[in-house]
């Protein structure tokens, strides 16, 4: 269980680094476009980047089941938002892939640590 938790935390950090350090790449991967300001890049660095980096680092530092279950709740929240988009905004292959990844981290992290 500890190894799986550490993998989930490192995955969070790794994926978050894309949003934080490569926001243009992340914008493209998410089918988003830059606007007239740099707020889009700022939002990607914050919400798709450092938020996940901070979650992963925090879980590793605390190392408690509660920290890892919270990591799972965060990923599951992202999966719930993605599923809402699939149902309300329309499905796409990319949305389903992201949903599966988010749920595949979130649900096991919760179940392993409750």
N, C-alpha and C. Protein backbone atom coordinates (compact mmCIF):
# COMPACT_ATOMS: atom_id res chain seq x y z
N UNK A 1 0.82 -1.19 0.00
CA UNK A 1 0.00 0.00 0.00
C UNK A 1 0.87 1.25 0.00
N UNK A 2 1.94 1.27 0.78
CA UNK A 2 2.80 2.45 0.82
C UNK A 2 3.39 2.76 -0.55
N UNK A 3 3.81 1.75 -1.27
CA UNK A 3 4.39 1.94 -2.61
C UNK A 3 3.36 2.56 -3.55
N UNK A 4 2.13 2.06 -3.50
CA UNK A 4 1.07 2.60 -4.38
C UNK A 4 0.80 4.06 -4.03
N UNK A 5 0.73 4.37 -2.75
CA UNK A 5 0.52 5.76 -2.34
C UNK A 5 1.63 6.67 -2.86
N UNK A 6 2.85 6.22 -2.74
CA UNK A 6 3.99 7.02 -3.22
C UNK A 6 3.91 7.19 -4.73
N UNK A 7 3.52 6.15 -5.44
CA UNK A 7 3.36 6.25 -6.90
C UNK A 7 2.30 7.29 -7.24
N UNK A 8 1.16 7.27 -6.54
CA UNK A 8 0.10 8.25 -6.80
C UNK A 8 0.60 9.67 -6.53
N UNK A 9 1.37 9.86 -5.47
CA UNK A 9 1.89 11.19 -5.15
C UNK A 9 2.89 11.65 -6.21
N UNK A 10 3.78 10.75 -6.62
CA UNK A 10 4.76 11.10 -7.65
C UNK A 10 4.07 11.37 -8.99
N UNK A 11 3.04 10.61 -9.30
CA UNK A 11 2.26 10.86 -10.51
C UNK A 11 1.63 12.25 -10.46
N UNK A 12 1.10 12.61 -9.32
CA UNK A 12 0.52 13.95 -9.14
C UNK A 12 1.57 15.03 -9.39
N UNK A 13 2.74 14.85 -8.80
CA UNK A 13 3.82 15.82 -8.97
C UNK A 13 4.26 15.89 -10.43
N UNK A 14 4.46 14.73 -11.03
CA UNK A 14 4.93 14.68 -12.42
C UNK A 14 3.96 15.34 -13.39
N UNK A 15 2.68 14.98 -13.29
CA UNK A 15 1.69 15.59 -14.19
C UNK A 15 1.53 17.08 -13.89
N UNK A 16 1.60 17.44 -12.62
CA UNK A 16 1.51 18.84 -12.26
C UNK A 16 2.65 19.67 -12.82
N UNK A 17 3.82 19.06 -12.93
CA UNK A 17 4.97 19.78 -13.49
C UNK A 17 4.74 20.20 -14.93
N UNK A 18 3.96 19.41 -15.68
CA UNK A 18 3.64 19.81 -17.06
C UNK A 18 2.87 21.13 -17.06
N UNK A 19 1.82 21.21 -16.24
CA UNK A 19 1.03 22.43 -16.17
C UNK A 19 1.83 23.61 -15.65
N UNK A 20 2.68 23.34 -14.69
CA UNK A 20 3.47 24.41 -14.06
C UNK A 20 4.59 24.90 -14.97
N UNK A 21 5.36 23.97 -15.51
CA UNK A 21 6.57 24.35 -16.23
C UNK A 21 6.41 24.36 -17.75
N UNK A 22 5.36 23.75 -18.24
CA UNK A 22 5.11 23.71 -19.69
C UNK A 22 3.65 24.07 -19.97
N UNK A 23 3.24 25.28 -19.60
CA UNK A 23 1.82 25.64 -19.74
C UNK A 23 1.35 25.66 -21.19
N UNK A 24 2.20 26.04 -22.13
CA UNK A 24 1.78 26.05 -23.54
C UNK A 24 1.49 24.62 -24.01
N UNK A 25 2.35 23.70 -23.63
CA UNK A 25 2.11 22.28 -23.96
C UNK A 25 0.79 21.82 -23.34
N UNK A 26 0.58 22.17 -22.08
CA UNK A 26 -0.63 21.76 -21.37
C UNK A 26 -1.86 22.37 -22.01
N UNK A 27 -1.78 23.63 -22.38
CA UNK A 27 -2.91 24.27 -23.07
C UNK A 27 -3.28 23.47 -24.33
N UNK A 28 -2.28 23.08 -25.09
CA UNK A 28 -2.52 22.29 -26.30
C UNK A 28 -3.09 20.92 -25.99
N UNK A 29 -2.55 20.28 -24.96
CA UNK A 29 -3.03 18.94 -24.59
C UNK A 29 -4.48 18.98 -24.12
N UNK A 30 -4.89 20.11 -23.56
CA UNK A 30 -6.26 20.25 -23.06
C UNK A 30 -7.17 20.93 -24.08
N UNK A 31 -6.67 21.14 -25.29
CA UNK A 31 -7.43 21.82 -26.34
C UNK A 31 -7.87 23.22 -25.92
N UNK A 32 -7.01 23.92 -25.20
CA UNK A 32 -7.28 25.30 -24.80
C UNK A 32 -6.42 26.24 -25.62
N UNK A 33 -6.84 27.50 -25.69
CA UNK A 33 -6.10 28.48 -26.46
C UNK A 33 -5.78 29.68 -25.59
N UNK A 34 -4.68 30.34 -25.92
CA UNK A 34 -4.32 31.58 -25.24
C UNK A 34 -5.26 32.69 -25.69
N UNK A 35 -5.56 33.60 -24.79
CA UNK A 35 -6.37 34.76 -25.11
C UNK A 35 -5.50 35.99 -25.28
N UNK A 36 -6.09 37.13 -25.07
CA UNK A 36 -5.38 38.40 -25.22
C UNK A 36 -4.48 38.71 -24.02
N UNK A 37 -4.66 37.98 -22.93
CA UNK A 37 -3.83 38.20 -21.75
C UNK A 37 -3.09 36.91 -21.41
N UNK A 38 -2.26 36.97 -20.40
CA UNK A 38 -1.54 35.78 -19.95
C UNK A 38 -2.27 35.06 -18.81
N UNK A 39 -3.52 35.42 -18.55
CA UNK A 39 -4.28 34.77 -17.47
C UNK A 39 -4.47 33.28 -17.73
N UNK A 40 -4.61 32.89 -18.99
CA UNK A 40 -4.75 31.47 -19.31
C UNK A 40 -3.54 30.67 -18.86
N UNK A 41 -2.36 31.21 -19.15
CA UNK A 41 -1.12 30.54 -18.72
C UNK A 41 -1.03 30.52 -17.20
N UNK A 42 -1.42 31.62 -16.58
CA UNK A 42 -1.39 31.69 -15.12
C UNK A 42 -2.32 30.64 -14.52
N UNK A 43 -3.50 30.50 -15.07
CA UNK A 43 -4.47 29.53 -14.56
C UNK A 43 -3.98 28.11 -14.74
N UNK A 44 -3.38 27.81 -15.88
CA UNK A 44 -2.85 26.47 -16.11
C UNK A 44 -1.71 26.18 -15.14
N UNK A 45 -0.81 27.14 -14.96
CA UNK A 45 0.30 26.94 -14.00
C UNK A 45 -0.24 26.67 -12.60
N UNK A 46 -1.32 27.38 -12.23
CA UNK A 46 -1.86 27.24 -10.88
C UNK A 46 -2.72 25.99 -10.73
N UNK A 47 -3.78 25.88 -11.55
CA UNK A 47 -4.77 24.82 -11.32
C UNK A 47 -4.41 23.47 -11.92
N UNK A 48 -3.71 23.45 -13.04
CA UNK A 48 -3.31 22.18 -13.64
C UNK A 48 -1.85 21.88 -13.34
N UNK A 49 -1.20 22.78 -12.65
CA UNK A 49 0.22 22.63 -12.36
C UNK A 49 0.53 22.50 -10.89
N UNK A 50 0.78 23.64 -10.28
CA UNK A 50 1.27 23.63 -8.90
C UNK A 50 0.26 23.09 -7.89
N UNK A 51 -1.01 23.15 -8.19
CA UNK A 51 -2.00 22.53 -7.30
C UNK A 51 -1.70 21.04 -7.15
N UNK A 52 -1.43 20.36 -8.26
CA UNK A 52 -1.13 18.92 -8.21
C UNK A 52 0.26 18.66 -7.65
N UNK A 53 1.21 19.54 -7.94
CA UNK A 53 2.54 19.40 -7.35
C UNK A 53 2.45 19.52 -5.83
N UNK A 54 1.72 20.53 -5.37
CA UNK A 54 1.56 20.72 -3.93
C UNK A 54 0.84 19.56 -3.26
N UNK A 55 -0.17 19.03 -3.91
CA UNK A 55 -0.89 17.87 -3.35
C UNK A 55 0.05 16.69 -3.18
N UNK A 56 0.83 16.41 -4.22
CA UNK A 56 1.75 15.27 -4.17
C UNK A 56 2.84 15.44 -3.13
N UNK A 57 3.44 16.62 -3.11
CA UNK A 57 4.50 16.88 -2.13
C UNK A 57 3.95 16.83 -0.71
N UNK A 58 2.78 17.43 -0.51
CA UNK A 58 2.16 17.41 0.82
C UNK A 58 1.89 15.99 1.29
N UNK A 59 1.37 15.15 0.40
CA UNK A 59 1.09 13.77 0.78
C UNK A 59 2.38 13.03 1.13
N UNK A 60 3.44 13.26 0.35
CA UNK A 60 4.72 12.60 0.65
C UNK A 60 5.30 13.08 1.98
N UNK A 61 5.22 14.38 2.24
CA UNK A 61 5.78 14.92 3.49
C UNK A 61 5.00 14.40 4.70
N UNK A 62 3.67 14.46 4.62
CA UNK A 62 2.87 14.00 5.75
C UNK A 62 2.91 12.48 5.89
N UNK A 63 2.81 11.80 4.76
CA UNK A 63 2.94 10.35 4.74
C UNK A 63 1.88 9.59 5.52
N UNK A 64 0.76 10.22 5.82
CA UNK A 64 -0.29 9.57 6.59
C UNK A 64 -1.40 9.06 5.66
N UNK A 65 -2.17 8.09 6.11
CA UNK A 65 -3.31 7.66 5.29
C UNK A 65 -4.26 8.81 4.96
N UNK A 66 -4.43 9.73 5.92
CA UNK A 66 -5.31 10.88 5.68
C UNK A 66 -4.79 11.76 4.55
N UNK A 67 -3.49 11.92 4.47
CA UNK A 67 -2.91 12.73 3.39
C UNK A 67 -3.13 12.06 2.04
N UNK A 68 -2.96 10.76 1.99
CA UNK A 68 -3.14 10.04 0.73
C UNK A 68 -4.62 9.93 0.34
N UNK A 69 -5.51 9.81 1.32
CA UNK A 69 -6.93 9.78 1.00
C UNK A 69 -7.36 11.15 0.47
N UNK A 70 -6.79 12.22 1.01
CA UNK A 70 -7.11 13.56 0.49
C UNK A 70 -6.62 13.71 -0.94
N UNK A 71 -5.47 13.15 -1.24
CA UNK A 71 -4.98 13.14 -2.62
C UNK A 71 -6.01 12.43 -3.50
N UNK A 72 -6.55 11.33 -3.01
CA UNK A 72 -7.58 10.60 -3.74
C UNK A 72 -8.85 11.41 -3.92
N UNK A 73 -9.25 12.14 -2.89
CA UNK A 73 -10.44 12.99 -3.02
C UNK A 73 -10.23 14.08 -4.07
N UNK A 74 -9.04 14.64 -4.12
CA UNK A 74 -8.75 15.68 -5.11
C UNK A 74 -8.82 15.11 -6.53
N UNK A 75 -8.18 13.98 -6.76
CA UNK A 75 -8.23 13.36 -8.08
C UNK A 75 -9.65 12.93 -8.42
N UNK A 76 -10.39 12.43 -7.44
CA UNK A 76 -11.78 12.03 -7.68
C UNK A 76 -12.66 13.23 -7.98
N UNK A 77 -12.36 14.36 -7.34
CA UNK A 77 -13.08 15.59 -7.65
C UNK A 77 -12.85 16.00 -9.09
N UNK A 78 -11.63 15.88 -9.56
CA UNK A 78 -11.33 16.17 -10.96
C UNK A 78 -12.09 15.21 -11.87
N UNK A 79 -12.15 13.93 -11.49
CA UNK A 79 -12.89 12.94 -12.28
C UNK A 79 -14.37 13.28 -12.32
N UNK A 80 -14.92 13.72 -11.20
CA UNK A 80 -16.34 14.09 -11.15
C UNK A 80 -16.62 15.29 -12.06
N UNK A 81 -15.72 16.26 -12.05
CA UNK A 81 -15.87 17.40 -12.95
C UNK A 81 -15.77 16.99 -14.40
N UNK A 82 -14.86 16.09 -14.70
CA UNK A 82 -14.70 15.59 -16.07
C UNK A 82 -15.94 14.83 -16.50
N UNK A 83 -16.49 13.98 -15.62
CA UNK A 83 -17.69 13.23 -15.95
C UNK A 83 -18.88 14.17 -16.17
N UNK A 84 -18.96 15.20 -15.35
CA UNK A 84 -20.01 16.21 -15.55
C UNK A 84 -19.89 16.83 -16.93
N UNK A 85 -18.68 17.16 -17.34
CA UNK A 85 -18.47 17.73 -18.67
C UNK A 85 -18.86 16.75 -19.77
N UNK A 86 -18.55 15.49 -19.58
CA UNK A 86 -18.92 14.47 -20.58
C UNK A 86 -20.44 14.42 -20.72
N UNK A 87 -21.14 14.45 -19.61
CA UNK A 87 -22.60 14.34 -19.65
C UNK A 87 -23.27 15.63 -20.12
N UNK A 88 -22.76 16.79 -19.71
CA UNK A 88 -23.42 18.06 -20.01
C UNK A 88 -22.91 18.70 -21.30
N UNK A 89 -21.59 18.65 -21.50
CA UNK A 89 -20.97 19.36 -22.63
C UNK A 89 -20.75 18.47 -23.84
N UNK A 90 -20.84 17.17 -23.65
CA UNK A 90 -20.60 16.24 -24.74
C UNK A 90 -19.33 15.44 -24.53
N UNK A 91 -19.35 14.23 -24.99
CA UNK A 91 -18.22 13.32 -24.81
C UNK A 91 -17.21 13.47 -25.93
N UNK A 92 -15.97 13.16 -25.59
CA UNK A 92 -14.91 13.05 -26.58
C UNK A 92 -13.94 11.98 -26.08
N UNK A 93 -13.16 11.47 -26.97
CA UNK A 93 -12.17 10.44 -26.61
C UNK A 93 -11.21 10.98 -25.55
N UNK A 94 -10.73 12.21 -25.75
CA UNK A 94 -9.77 12.81 -24.83
C UNK A 94 -10.40 12.98 -23.44
N UNK A 95 -11.65 13.42 -23.37
CA UNK A 95 -12.30 13.56 -22.06
C UNK A 95 -12.40 12.23 -21.34
N UNK A 96 -12.74 11.17 -22.08
CA UNK A 96 -12.85 9.85 -21.46
C UNK A 96 -11.49 9.37 -20.96
N UNK A 97 -10.44 9.61 -21.73
CA UNK A 97 -9.10 9.19 -21.30
C UNK A 97 -8.72 9.91 -20.01
N UNK A 98 -8.92 11.23 -19.97
CA UNK A 98 -8.58 11.99 -18.77
C UNK A 98 -9.43 11.53 -17.59
N UNK A 99 -10.70 11.27 -17.83
CA UNK A 99 -11.58 10.78 -16.76
C UNK A 99 -11.05 9.47 -16.19
N UNK A 100 -10.68 8.55 -17.06
CA UNK A 100 -10.19 7.24 -16.61
C UNK A 100 -8.93 7.41 -15.77
N UNK A 101 -8.00 8.25 -16.21
CA UNK A 101 -6.76 8.48 -15.44
C UNK A 101 -7.09 9.08 -14.08
N UNK A 102 -7.94 10.10 -14.07
CA UNK A 102 -8.29 10.75 -12.80
C UNK A 102 -8.98 9.78 -11.84
N UNK A 103 -9.91 9.00 -12.35
CA UNK A 103 -10.60 8.02 -11.52
C UNK A 103 -9.67 6.88 -11.08
N UNK A 104 -8.75 6.51 -11.96
CA UNK A 104 -7.82 5.41 -11.65
C UNK A 104 -6.83 5.78 -10.55
N UNK A 105 -6.59 7.05 -10.35
CA UNK A 105 -5.76 7.49 -9.23
C UNK A 105 -6.65 7.76 -8.02
N UNK A 106 -7.73 8.50 -8.22
CA UNK A 106 -8.55 8.95 -7.12
C UNK A 106 -9.24 7.85 -6.33
N UNK A 107 -9.94 6.97 -7.01
CA UNK A 107 -10.72 5.94 -6.31
C UNK A 107 -9.82 4.97 -5.54
N UNK A 108 -8.76 4.42 -6.15
CA UNK A 108 -7.90 3.53 -5.35
C UNK A 108 -7.22 4.24 -4.18
N UNK A 109 -6.83 5.50 -4.36
CA UNK A 109 -6.19 6.22 -3.25
C UNK A 109 -7.15 6.37 -2.08
N UNK A 110 -8.42 6.58 -2.37
CA UNK A 110 -9.42 6.66 -1.30
C UNK A 110 -9.61 5.29 -0.65
N UNK A 111 -9.87 4.29 -1.47
CA UNK A 111 -10.18 2.95 -0.96
C UNK A 111 -9.01 2.33 -0.17
N UNK A 112 -7.80 2.60 -0.61
CA UNK A 112 -6.63 2.04 0.09
C UNK A 112 -6.36 2.71 1.44
N UNK A 113 -6.86 3.91 1.62
CA UNK A 113 -6.47 4.69 2.80
C UNK A 113 -7.57 5.02 3.77
N UNK A 114 -8.80 4.66 3.47
CA UNK A 114 -9.90 4.91 4.43
C UNK A 114 -9.90 3.89 5.53
